[in-house]
Amino acid sequence: MSTQSLFGESSLLGTAPSSVIGGEWSSAGSPSSTAVVDPATGVVLAEVPTLTPEDVARAVEVATAAQKQWRRQSHTARAAVLERVRLAIGEHASELAAIVTAEQGKSPADALGEIAGAQAFFDFAISQKYRTVGEVVAAEHGERIETREEPIGVIAAILPWNFPAAIFARKVAPALMAGNAIIVKPSELTPLSALALARVAQLAGLPDGLLNVVCGAGRVVGKALVTHPGIGMVTMTGSTRGGREILASTADSIIPVSLELGGKAPMIVFADADLKAAAAAAVEARLWNAGQVCTCNEVTYVHESVAAEFRALVVEAFRATVPGRPSPTGHVMGPLVAEREWVKVKEMVDLAVAQGATVEVGGGRPEGAEFAAGNWFAPTVLSGVTVDMDIAREEVFGPVLPLVEFSTDEEAIANANSSAYGLTAYVYTQDLNRAMRAVDDLEFGEVYLNKIGPEQVQGFHTGWKASGLGGDDGAHGYAKYVRHKTTYLGYGRGA
């Protein structure tokens, strides 16, 4: 992995920067550091020093000063700057993708797709230069009442590790376009992508101080960031546990919090579905990024009359999916991001078997010397799963697909809705009435009919229940980064 064109003679290997604050790069911090590990080999790529709460406070101070100038820029002026950033991301796409592959484990092809997604998030944010930013409402003669959008101030963004580049852009682009400054705290597992993207933005001419990156542990650096009195809003993508902690930490501040949390996305395959299309979709939606996506097909409910045929199609596809070290030729599936994640997935599979499930294929580490090191987990299908088993109810961030049979439409919907989560659901049926009834009855923020994701930048990606509050993308997601001010104007009293 080479980053010389981004960082001159230095690179992100070895001792990497711990922050960029006000345009200044630093490897300072506390005496401790976090190792960034190649998920495919277990080899340490870099050591990233952990920041202190004092470092975070400095970042907030710098961002506050920069935002006061940025907020005065017109929407078109901001858009022009962000367009330069968008183009620069494309110019450095190969380098950025290599960093994503190295620290997160996805194939180069998938990593390049993620970088294209990052550009798309900037593209949509830029389109908001034509946004309607206020309204005039009915008032008495001689009066005017108007409500307009204004920036919030300094945004704190807490990022996950599964899409370290795309979700960086998903939060940074609208925050900046709306006139805010932003401080990003990337995952300890994948900080290099955020640092590299911040460097790209700097090279593209983004004014210093508007985009800052602070690295370190969530319960130290993250907590110091979200509880700082200078923060006007927190946006976070991550676990439900982490979301609850942020809500509790920000309660005293009474600031907006947008959370995109975990999911247990069901796919419902009705008896009249195109089984080959549904099976192919079930496999792709489960194995994408080795199952490490909050919208992944976490559990498939299939009608009992077609369950055997559907299971055979899925097992065949899973058996044919051979994990492999990411390479330019690409592999369908890479490793899990960290050993801790491998252990979690293995424990859940073993518990499912203990509770009565059958492993049709996979179940643990793939056979072969090439998989002895790293966090490799074989594509796994579990049959004989019932809706009350843990594997059917708890999120599994790995390539494991539980199959649950159902008898009636009502049973399928009830099973899907029994989850504590409510982010994404998939429905396969050729009956339009059945499809639309499912949309009406499913308790999820987004529903896909006879297709799978990923979600589109112009849509609204939002979860219900334990999957979060707020949301990202589209006009509704952009609106999370502004607040409103109403002006009452009296005029012409003597007329």
Protein backbone atom coordinates (compact mmCIF):
# COMPACT_ATOMS: atom_id res chain seq x y z
CA MET A 1 0.00 0.00 0.00
CA SER A 2 1.55 3.28 -1.11
CA THR A 3 0.36 6.67 0.06
CA GLN A 4 3.37 8.73 -0.97
CA SER A 5 1.40 10.91 -3.37
CA LEU A 6 -0.93 11.78 -0.49
CA PHE A 7 1.64 12.20 2.28
CA GLY A 8 4.87 13.02 0.46
CA GLU A 9 7.78 10.88 1.63
CA SER A 10 5.83 9.51 4.59
CA SER A 11 2.95 7.07 4.54
CA LEU A 12 0.23 5.70 6.76
CA LEU A 13 2.31 2.62 7.54
CA GLY A 14 4.45 2.44 10.66
CA THR A 15 3.50 5.18 13.11
CA ALA A 16 0.50 6.84 11.55
CA PRO A 17 -0.90 10.28 12.42
CA SER A 18 -3.22 10.37 15.39
CA SER A 19 -5.06 13.47 14.24
CA VAL A 20 -5.47 16.29 11.82
CA ILE A 21 -6.62 19.41 13.66
CA GLY A 22 -6.81 22.76 11.93
CA GLY A 23 -4.86 21.39 8.99
CA GLU A 24 -1.95 20.27 11.19
CA TRP A 25 -1.00 16.59 11.23
CA SER A 26 0.25 15.07 14.44
CA SER A 27 1.36 11.71 15.78
CA ALA A 28 1.24 13.01 19.34
CA GLY A 29 -1.19 11.82 21.97
CA SER A 30 -1.17 9.69 25.07
CA PRO A 31 1.58 7.11 25.64
CA SER A 32 -0.73 4.37 24.38
CA SER A 33 -1.48 3.48 20.78
CA THR A 34 -3.78 1.21 18.79
CA ALA A 35 -2.55 -1.34 16.28
CA VAL A 36 -4.20 -1.38 12.87
CA VAL A 37 -4.14 -5.01 11.69
CA ASP A 38 -4.51 -6.54 8.23
CA PRO A 39 -7.61 -8.77 8.66
CA ALA A 40 -6.37 -11.23 6.04
CA THR A 41 -3.01 -11.98 7.66
CA GLY A 42 -3.01 -10.64 11.20
CA VAL A 43 0.04 -8.50 10.36
CA VAL A 44 0.20 -5.08 12.04
CA LEU A 45 -0.02 -2.31 9.42
CA ALA A 46 0.38 0.73 11.64
CA GLU A 47 0.35 2.01 15.18
CA VAL A 48 -1.96 4.98 15.76
CA PRO A 49 -1.33 6.99 18.95
CA THR A 50 -4.40 7.59 21.12
CA LEU A 51 -5.41 11.21 21.67
CA THR A 52 -6.32 12.77 24.99
CA PRO A 53 -9.43 14.75 25.99
CA GLU A 54 -7.24 17.87 25.80
CA ASP A 55 -6.54 17.14 22.15
CA VAL A 56 -10.26 16.81 21.52
CA ALA A 57 -10.93 20.15 23.20
CA ARG A 58 -8.38 21.78 20.90
CA ALA A 59 -10.12 20.28 17.89
CA VAL A 60 -13.46 21.72 19.01
CA GLU A 61 -11.89 25.15 19.52
CA VAL A 62 -10.32 25.12 16.06
CA ALA A 63 -13.51 23.86 14.40
CA THR A 64 -15.62 26.51 16.11
CA ALA A 65 -13.41 29.29 14.78
CA ALA A 66 -13.36 27.87 11.25
CA GLN A 67 -17.12 27.37 11.15
CA LYS A 68 -17.82 31.04 11.88
CA GLN A 69 -16.22 31.93 8.56
CA TRP A 70 -17.58 28.97 6.60
CA ARG A 71 -21.20 29.60 7.58
CA ARG A 72 -21.02 33.01 5.89
CA GLN A 73 -20.17 31.44 2.54
CA SER A 74 -23.05 31.03 0.09
CA HIS A 75 -24.35 27.60 -0.77
CA THR A 76 -22.85 27.86 -4.24
CA ALA A 77 -19.45 28.82 -2.82
CA ARG A 78 -19.49 25.84 -0.45
CA ALA A 79 -20.56 23.57 -3.30
CA ALA A 80 -17.61 24.72 -5.42
CA VAL A 81 -15.18 23.71 -2.67
CA LEU A 82 -16.86 20.34 -2.15
CA GLU A 83 -16.80 19.68 -5.89
CA ARG A 84 -13.03 19.99 -5.78
CA VAL A 85 -12.97 17.46 -2.94
CA ARG A 86 -15.22 15.09 -4.89
CA LEU A 87 -12.93 15.25 -7.92
CA ALA A 88 -9.85 14.76 -5.76
CA ILE A 89 -11.33 11.60 -4.26
CA GLY A 90 -11.63 10.24 -7.79
CA GLU A 91 -8.06 11.22 -8.61
CA HIS A 92 -6.80 9.30 -5.57
CA ALA A 93 -9.30 6.44 -5.84
CA SER A 94 -6.70 3.68 -6.24
CA GLU A 95 -4.71 4.80 -3.19
CA LEU A 96 -7.81 5.24 -1.08
CA ALA A 97 -9.17 1.83 -2.11
CA ALA A 98 -5.84 0.19 -1.25
CA ILE A 99 -6.07 1.65 2.26
CA VAL A 100 -9.64 0.38 2.67
CA THR A 101 -8.61 -3.10 1.53
CA ALA A 102 -5.57 -3.17 3.81
CA GLU A 103 -7.32 -2.18 7.04
CA GLN A 104 -10.88 -3.47 6.47
CA GLY A 105 -10.35 -6.57 4.34
CA LYS A 106 -12.74 -6.11 1.42
CA SER A 107 -11.52 -6.86 -2.10
CA PRO A 108 -9.96 -4.12 -4.24
CA ALA A 109 -13.02 -4.17 -6.50
CA ASP A 110 -15.36 -3.69 -3.54
CA ALA A 111 -13.05 -1.03 -2.08
CA LEU A 112 -13.09 0.90 -5.35
CA GLY A 113 -16.87 0.66 -5.25
CA GLU A 114 -16.80 2.14 -1.77
CA ILE A 115 -14.68 5.07 -2.96
CA ALA A 116 -17.17 5.67 -5.77
CA GLY A 117 -19.87 5.67 -3.09
CA ALA A 118 -17.94 8.30 -1.18
CA GLN A 119 -17.92 10.47 -4.28
CA ALA A 120 -21.66 9.93 -4.69
CA PHE A 121 -22.34 11.21 -1.17
CA PHE A 122 -20.43 14.39 -2.02
CA ASP A 123 -22.31 14.65 -5.30
CA PHE A 124 -25.68 14.62 -3.58
CA ALA A 125 -24.57 17.11 -0.93
CA ILE A 126 -23.33 19.44 -3.67
CA SER A 127 -26.76 19.29 -5.32
CA GLN A 128 -28.17 21.00 -2.24
CA LYS A 129 -26.78 24.30 -3.47
CA TYR A 130 -30.18 24.63 -5.17
CA ARG A 131 -32.08 23.67 -2.05
CA THR A 132 -35.09 25.64 -0.80
CA VAL A 133 -33.70 26.92 2.48
CA GLY A 134 -36.72 28.68 3.95
CA GLU A 135 -40.40 29.43 3.70
CA VAL A 136 -42.81 32.29 4.18
CA VAL A 137 -46.05 31.38 5.94
CA ALA A 138 -49.39 33.14 6.07
CA ALA A 139 -49.55 36.15 8.39
CA GLU A 140 -51.68 39.24 9.10
CA HIS A 141 -51.57 42.20 6.72
CA GLY A 142 -48.47 44.25 7.47
CA GLU A 143 -46.62 41.26 8.91
CA ARG A 144 -44.25 38.64 7.54
CA ILE A 145 -43.36 35.30 9.09
CA GLU A 146 -40.47 33.37 7.63
CA THR A 147 -38.54 30.29 8.72
CA ARG A 148 -35.06 29.63 7.39
CA GLU A 149 -32.38 26.97 7.72
CA GLU A 150 -29.13 27.74 9.50
CA PRO A 151 -26.04 25.66 10.26
CA ILE A 152 -25.85 23.94 13.62
CA GLY A 153 -22.17 24.67 14.31
CA VAL A 154 -19.66 21.92 15.05
CA ILE A 155 -20.72 18.33 14.29
CA ALA A 156 -19.24 15.27 16.00
CA ALA A 157 -19.23 12.19 13.74
CA ILE A 158 -18.57 8.72 15.12
CA LEU A 159 -17.75 6.23 12.35
CA PRO A 160 -17.92 2.42 12.13
CA TRP A 161 -15.32 0.11 10.63
CA ASN A 162 -17.32 -1.68 7.93
CA PHE A 163 -17.36 1.19 5.38
CA PRO A 164 -14.65 3.53 6.69
CA ALA A 165 -14.50 5.68 3.53
CA ALA A 166 -18.12 5.76 2.39
CA ILE A 167 -19.60 6.59 5.79
CA PHE A 168 -16.93 9.25 6.31
CA ALA A 169 -18.27 10.96 3.18
CA ARG A 170 -21.88 10.21 4.14
CA LYS A 171 -21.50 12.46 7.17
CA VAL A 172 -18.80 14.93 6.17
CA ALA A 173 -20.34 16.02 2.86
CA PRO A 174 -23.80 17.14 4.08
CA ALA A 175 -22.38 18.58 7.29
CA LEU A 176 -20.00 20.85 5.37
CA MET A 177 -22.51 21.70 2.65
CA ALA A 178 -24.95 22.88 5.33
CA GLY A 179 -22.33 25.31 6.69
CA ASN A 180 -21.01 23.33 9.64
CA ALA A 181 -17.55 22.23 10.69
CA ILE A 182 -17.08 18.57 11.57
CA ILE A 183 -14.83 16.47 13.80
CA VAL A 184 -14.58 12.80 12.81
CA LYS A 185 -13.73 10.02 15.25
CA PRO A 186 -13.08 6.89 13.14
CA SER A 187 -13.17 3.34 14.45
CA GLU A 188 -9.99 2.19 16.16
CA LEU A 189 -9.94 -0.73 13.69
CA THR A 190 -10.01 1.42 10.53
CA PRO A 191 -8.65 4.94 11.17
CA LEU A 192 -6.39 5.12 8.11
CA SER A 193 -9.19 5.68 5.59
CA ALA A 194 -10.48 8.73 7.46
CA LEU A 195 -6.99 10.18 7.76
CA ALA A 196 -6.35 9.66 4.04
CA LEU A 197 -9.67 11.23 3.02
CA ALA A 198 -8.97 14.22 5.24
CA ARG A 199 -5.64 14.61 3.47
CA VAL A 200 -7.40 14.47 0.08
CA ALA A 201 -9.80 17.20 1.22
CA GLN A 202 -6.86 19.30 2.36
CA LEU A 203 -5.09 18.88 -0.98
CA ALA A 204 -8.33 19.91 -2.73
CA GLY A 205 -8.38 23.22 -0.87
CA LEU A 206 -10.90 22.68 1.91
CA PRO A 207 -10.19 25.44 4.45
CA ASP A 208 -8.28 24.24 7.50
CA GLY A 209 -10.28 23.59 10.63
CA LEU A 210 -13.53 22.61 8.92
CA LEU A 211 -12.65 18.91 8.83
CA ASN A 212 -10.74 17.44 11.72
CA VAL A 213 -9.96 13.79 12.53
CA VAL A 214 -9.26 12.55 16.05
CA CYS A 215 -8.23 8.93 16.70
CA GLY A 216 -8.54 6.82 19.80
CA ALA A 217 -10.79 4.67 21.91
CA GLY A 218 -14.50 5.37 21.85
CA ARG A 219 -14.87 5.52 25.62
CA VAL A 220 -12.02 8.05 25.87
CA VAL A 221 -11.76 10.13 22.70
CA GLY A 222 -15.32 9.50 21.55
CA LYS A 223 -16.81 10.34 24.91
CA ALA A 224 -14.70 13.50 25.25
CA LEU A 225 -15.93 14.57 21.82
CA VAL A 226 -19.66 13.95 22.17
CA THR A 227 -19.82 15.48 25.66
CA HIS A 228 -17.86 18.63 24.84
CA PRO A 229 -20.07 21.71 25.31
CA GLY A 230 -18.93 23.11 21.97
CA ILE A 231 -20.51 20.27 20.00
CA GLY A 232 -23.86 21.13 18.42
CA MET A 233 -24.86 17.72 17.10
CA VAL A 234 -23.70 14.09 17.16
CA THR A 235 -24.10 11.74 14.21
CA MET A 236 -23.11 8.14 14.70
CA THR A 237 -23.21 4.90 12.74
CA GLY A 238 -22.43 1.82 14.76
CA SER A 239 -23.75 -0.65 17.28
CA THR A 240 -26.95 -0.29 19.24
CA ARG A 241 -24.89 -0.54 22.42
CA GLY A 242 -22.76 2.39 21.31
CA GLY A 243 -25.84 4.38 20.34
CA ARG A 244 -27.34 3.95 23.79
CA GLU A 245 -24.09 5.13 25.38
CA ILE A 246 -24.03 8.25 23.20
CA LEU A 247 -27.66 9.06 24.02
CA ALA A 248 -26.89 8.76 27.72
CA SER A 249 -23.71 10.84 27.40
CA THR A 250 -25.43 13.68 25.53
CA ALA A 251 -28.55 13.85 27.69
CA ASP A 252 -27.29 16.79 29.71
CA SER A 253 -26.31 18.71 26.56
CA ILE A 254 -29.77 18.41 24.95
CA ILE A 255 -28.40 18.44 21.42
CA PRO A 256 -29.60 16.64 18.29
CA VAL A 257 -28.34 13.07 17.96
CA SER A 258 -28.69 11.03 14.76
CA LEU A 259 -28.07 7.30 15.15
CA GLU A 260 -27.87 4.62 12.47
CA LEU A 261 -27.47 1.45 14.48
CA GLY A 262 -27.61 -2.31 14.13
CA GLY A 263 -30.05 -4.37 12.17
CA LYS A 264 -31.50 -7.84 11.80
CA ALA A 265 -32.76 -7.52 8.25
CA PRO A 266 -35.23 -10.26 7.32
CA MET A 267 -35.78 -11.50 3.80
CA ILE A 268 -39.25 -12.97 3.29
CA VAL A 269 -39.54 -15.38 0.37
CA PHE A 270 -43.18 -16.15 -0.38
CA ALA A 271 -44.30 -19.28 -2.22
CA ASP A 272 -44.95 -17.40 -5.46
CA ALA A 273 -41.48 -15.77 -5.59
CA ASP A 274 -39.05 -16.26 -8.44
CA LEU A 275 -36.94 -18.69 -6.41
CA LYS A 276 -33.77 -18.45 -8.47
CA ALA A 277 -33.80 -14.66 -8.29
CA ALA A 278 -34.66 -14.73 -4.58
CA ALA A 279 -31.92 -17.24 -3.79
CA ALA A 280 -29.31 -15.26 -5.72
CA ALA A 281 -30.37 -12.10 -3.90
CA ALA A 282 -30.34 -13.86 -0.52
CA VAL A 283 -26.76 -14.98 -1.10
CA GLU A 284 -25.50 -11.62 -2.35
CA ALA A 285 -27.24 -9.68 0.41
CA ARG A 286 -25.78 -11.99 3.06
CA LEU A 287 -22.19 -12.29 1.83
CA TRP A 288 -21.63 -8.64 0.88
CA ASN A 289 -18.56 -7.43 2.78
CA ALA A 290 -18.42 -10.86 4.48
CA GLY A 291 -21.80 -10.17 6.06
CA GLN A 292 -20.50 -7.08 7.84
CA VAL A 293 -23.26 -4.69 6.77
CA CYS A 294 -26.14 -3.50 8.93
CA THR A 295 -28.53 -4.00 6.01
CA CYS A 296 -27.35 -7.55 5.22
CA ASN A 297 -29.90 -10.35 4.85
CA GLU A 298 -29.59 -11.53 8.45
CA VAL A 299 -32.34 -14.16 8.44
CA THR A 300 -34.40 -15.57 5.58
CA TYR A 301 -38.01 -16.61 6.15
CA VAL A 302 -39.08 -18.95 3.36
CA HIS A 303 -42.48 -20.52 2.77
CA GLU A 304 -42.55 -24.18 3.73
CA SER A 305 -43.78 -25.26 0.28
CA VAL A 306 -40.59 -24.03 -1.41
CA ALA A 307 -38.17 -24.28 1.51
CA ALA A 308 -36.32 -27.40 0.33
CA GLU A 309 -35.75 -26.08 -3.18
CA PHE A 310 -34.70 -22.66 -1.90
CA ARG A 311 -32.32 -24.18 0.64
CA ALA A 312 -30.64 -26.27 -2.05
CA LEU A 313 -30.07 -23.20 -4.23
CA VAL A 314 -28.60 -21.19 -1.37
CA VAL A 315 -26.37 -23.99 -0.08
CA GLU A 316 -24.99 -24.58 -3.57
CA ALA A 317 -24.13 -20.89 -3.92
CA PHE A 318 -22.55 -20.69 -0.46
CA ARG A 319 -20.48 -23.81 -1.12
CA ALA A 320 -19.23 -22.28 -4.36
CA THR A 321 -18.16 -19.08 -2.62
CA VAL A 322 -14.52 -19.59 -1.74
CA PRO A 323 -13.04 -16.87 0.48
CA GLY A 324 -9.70 -15.53 -0.61
CA ARG A 325 -7.06 -12.96 0.09
CA PRO A 326 -8.09 -9.69 -1.55
CA SER A 327 -6.37 -9.34 -4.92
CA PRO A 328 -6.78 -7.27 -8.07
CA THR A 329 -8.76 -10.10 -9.65
CA GLY A 330 -11.23 -9.89 -6.79
CA HIS A 331 -12.92 -12.39 -4.52
CA VAL A 332 -16.55 -12.64 -3.58
CA MET A 333 -15.72 -12.62 0.11
CA GLY A 334 -12.82 -11.47 2.27
CA PRO A 335 -12.09 -11.95 5.98
CA LEU A 336 -13.85 -10.53 8.99
CA VAL A 337 -12.35 -7.27 10.17
CA ALA A 338 -10.92 -8.44 13.52
CA GLU A 339 -10.34 -11.53 15.63
CA ARG A 340 -12.91 -10.34 18.16
CA GLU A 341 -15.54 -10.33 15.41
CA TRP A 342 -14.56 -13.86 14.33
CA VAL A 343 -15.00 -15.08 17.89
CA LYS A 344 -18.45 -13.47 18.18
CA VAL A 345 -19.67 -15.07 14.95
CA LYS A 346 -18.29 -18.50 15.88
CA GLU A 347 -19.93 -18.37 19.30
CA MET A 348 -23.30 -17.53 17.75
CA VAL A 349 -23.06 -20.39 15.25
CA ASP A 350 -22.11 -22.85 17.99
CA LEU A 351 -25.00 -21.64 20.15
CA ALA A 352 -27.42 -22.09 17.24
CA VAL A 353 -26.27 -25.69 16.81
CA ALA A 354 -26.68 -26.29 20.53
CA GLN A 355 -30.22 -24.92 20.26
CA GLY A 356 -31.11 -27.33 17.44
CA ALA A 357 -29.95 -25.76 14.16
CA THR A 358 -28.11 -27.78 11.48
CA VAL A 359 -25.00 -26.54 9.67
CA GLU A 360 -25.60 -27.17 5.96
CA VAL A 361 -22.27 -25.67 4.89
CA GLY A 362 -19.45 -23.81 6.63
CA GLY A 363 -19.59 -23.30 10.36
CA GLY A 364 -16.12 -21.94 11.12
CA ARG A 365 -12.67 -21.38 9.65
CA PRO A 366 -12.29 -22.58 6.04
CA GLU A 367 -9.99 -25.52 5.40
CA GLY A 368 -6.54 -24.81 4.00
CA ALA A 369 -3.21 -23.45 5.15
CA GLU A 370 -3.94 -20.09 3.54
CA PHE A 371 -6.70 -19.53 6.10
CA ALA A 372 -4.67 -20.44 9.19
CA ALA A 373 -3.85 -16.78 9.88
CA GLY A 374 -6.28 -13.90 9.67
CA ASN A 375 -9.98 -13.69 10.41
CA TRP A 376 -11.43 -16.04 7.80
CA PHE A 377 -14.92 -17.42 8.30
CA ALA A 378 -16.51 -19.83 5.82
CA PRO A 379 -19.87 -18.93 4.26
CA THR A 380 -22.37 -20.69 6.51
CA VAL A 381 -25.99 -21.79 6.08
CA LEU A 382 -28.06 -22.95 9.04
CA SER A 383 -31.30 -24.88 8.57
CA GLY A 384 -33.83 -26.01 11.14
CA VAL A 385 -33.74 -22.56 12.73
CA THR A 386 -36.78 -21.38 14.67
CA VAL A 387 -37.74 -17.79 15.30
CA ASP A 388 -37.02 -18.04 19.03
CA MET A 389 -33.35 -19.00 18.57
CA ASP A 390 -30.70 -16.37 19.30
CA ILE A 391 -29.31 -16.69 15.76
CA ALA A 392 -32.68 -15.54 14.41
CA ARG A 393 -32.99 -12.60 16.78
CA GLU A 394 -29.52 -11.16 17.41
CA GLU A 395 -27.38 -9.38 14.82
CA VAL A 396 -24.64 -11.56 13.31
CA PHE A 397 -21.94 -9.49 11.63
CA GLY A 398 -20.62 -12.34 9.54
CA PRO A 399 -21.38 -14.64 6.56
CA VAL A 400 -23.99 -16.75 8.35
CA LEU A 401 -27.51 -17.24 6.97
CA PRO A 402 -30.22 -18.82 9.16
CA LEU A 403 -33.22 -20.24 7.27
CA VAL A 404 -36.62 -20.22 8.98
CA GLU A 405 -39.73 -21.77 7.45
CA PHE A 406 -43.22 -20.25 7.71
CA SER A 407 -46.75 -21.31 6.79
CA THR A 408 -48.83 -18.14 6.36
CA ASP A 409 -48.29 -14.53 5.32
CA GLU A 410 -49.31 -13.37 8.78
CA GLU A 411 -46.72 -15.65 10.39
CA ALA A 412 -43.95 -14.33 8.15
CA ILE A 413 -44.72 -10.70 8.94
CA ALA A 414 -45.07 -11.41 12.66
CA ASN A 415 -41.73 -13.24 12.71
CA ALA A 416 -39.98 -10.37 10.94
CA ASN A 417 -41.53 -7.77 13.24
CA SER A 418 -40.63 -9.74 16.37
CA SER A 419 -37.07 -8.45 16.08
CA ALA A 420 -35.93 -5.61 18.32
CA TYR A 421 -34.42 -4.03 15.21
CA GLY A 422 -36.14 -2.21 12.38
CA LEU A 423 -33.68 -1.03 9.75
CA THR A 424 -34.06 -2.99 6.50
CA ALA A 425 -36.38 -5.72 5.21
CA TYR A 426 -36.56 -7.60 1.91
CA VAL A 427 -39.64 -9.15 0.31
CA TYR A 428 -39.78 -11.51 -2.66
CA THR A 429 -43.17 -12.16 -4.24
CA GLN A 430 -44.80 -11.77 -7.63
CA ASP A 431 -48.13 -10.79 -6.10
CA LEU A 432 -48.44 -6.99 -6.02
CA ASN A 433 -51.18 -7.04 -3.38
CA ARG A 434 -49.09 -9.26 -1.10
CA ALA A 435 -46.05 -7.06 -1.64
CA MET A 436 -47.84 -3.84 -0.74
CA ARG A 437 -49.53 -5.39 2.30
CA ALA A 438 -46.06 -6.41 3.46
CA VAL A 439 -44.81 -2.84 3.04
CA ASP A 440 -47.77 -1.62 5.09
CA ASP A 441 -47.22 -4.12 7.90
CA LEU A 442 -43.43 -4.39 8.21
CA GLU A 443 -41.97 -2.27 11.03
CA PHE A 444 -38.79 -1.23 9.27
CA GLY A 445 -37.39 2.07 8.04
CA GLU A 446 -36.76 0.75 4.53
CA VAL A 447 -38.25 -2.14 2.57
CA TYR A 448 -36.91 -3.63 -0.69
CA LEU A 449 -39.36 -5.42 -2.99
CA ASN A 450 -37.87 -8.03 -5.34
CA LYS A 451 -34.49 -6.35 -5.14
CA ILE A 452 -31.65 -5.72 -2.73
CA GLY A 453 -29.48 -2.75 -1.87
CA PRO A 454 -27.32 -0.90 -1.38
CA GLU A 455 -29.44 2.12 -0.54
CA GLN A 456 -29.30 5.15 -2.83
CA VAL A 457 -27.84 8.54 -1.90
CA GLN A 458 -31.11 10.32 -2.78
CA GLY A 459 -33.19 8.01 -0.56
CA PHE A 460 -33.54 8.21 3.22
CA HIS A 461 -31.69 5.55 5.20
CA THR A 462 -33.36 5.41 8.58
CA GLY A 463 -34.06 2.77 11.19
CA TRP A 464 -36.93 2.14 13.56
CA LYS A 465 -36.86 0.69 17.07
CA ALA A 466 -33.38 -0.40 18.21
CA SER A 467 -31.95 0.40 14.78
CA GLY A 468 -31.70 4.06 15.64
CA LEU A 469 -33.20 7.48 15.20
CA GLY A 470 -32.49 10.22 12.74
CA GLY A 471 -30.95 8.83 9.58
CA ASP A 472 -28.76 9.59 6.58
CA ASP A 473 -29.04 10.36 2.88
CA GLY A 474 -31.36 12.36 0.69
CA ALA A 475 -33.19 15.53 1.58
CA HIS A 476 -34.34 14.14 4.93
CA GLY A 477 -30.81 13.11 5.89
CA TYR A 478 -29.41 16.49 4.88
CA ALA A 479 -32.03 18.22 7.03
CA LYS A 480 -30.45 16.67 10.14
CA TYR A 481 -27.49 19.03 9.70
CA VAL A 482 -29.47 22.27 9.89
CA ARG A 483 -31.61 24.00 12.48
CA HIS A 484 -34.39 26.51 11.94
CA LYS A 485 -34.91 30.13 12.85
CA THR A 486 -38.26 31.94 12.53
CA THR A 487 -38.41 35.70 12.00
CA TYR A 488 -41.51 37.81 12.67
CA LEU A 489 -41.46 41.12 10.80
CA GLY A 490 -43.97 43.93 11.21
CA TYR A 491 -44.16 46.61 8.51
CA GLY A 492 -46.48 49.20 7.04
CA ARG A 493 -48.45 49.72 10.27
CA GLY A 494 -49.59 53.15 9.21
CA ALA A 495 -50.63 52.20 5.71
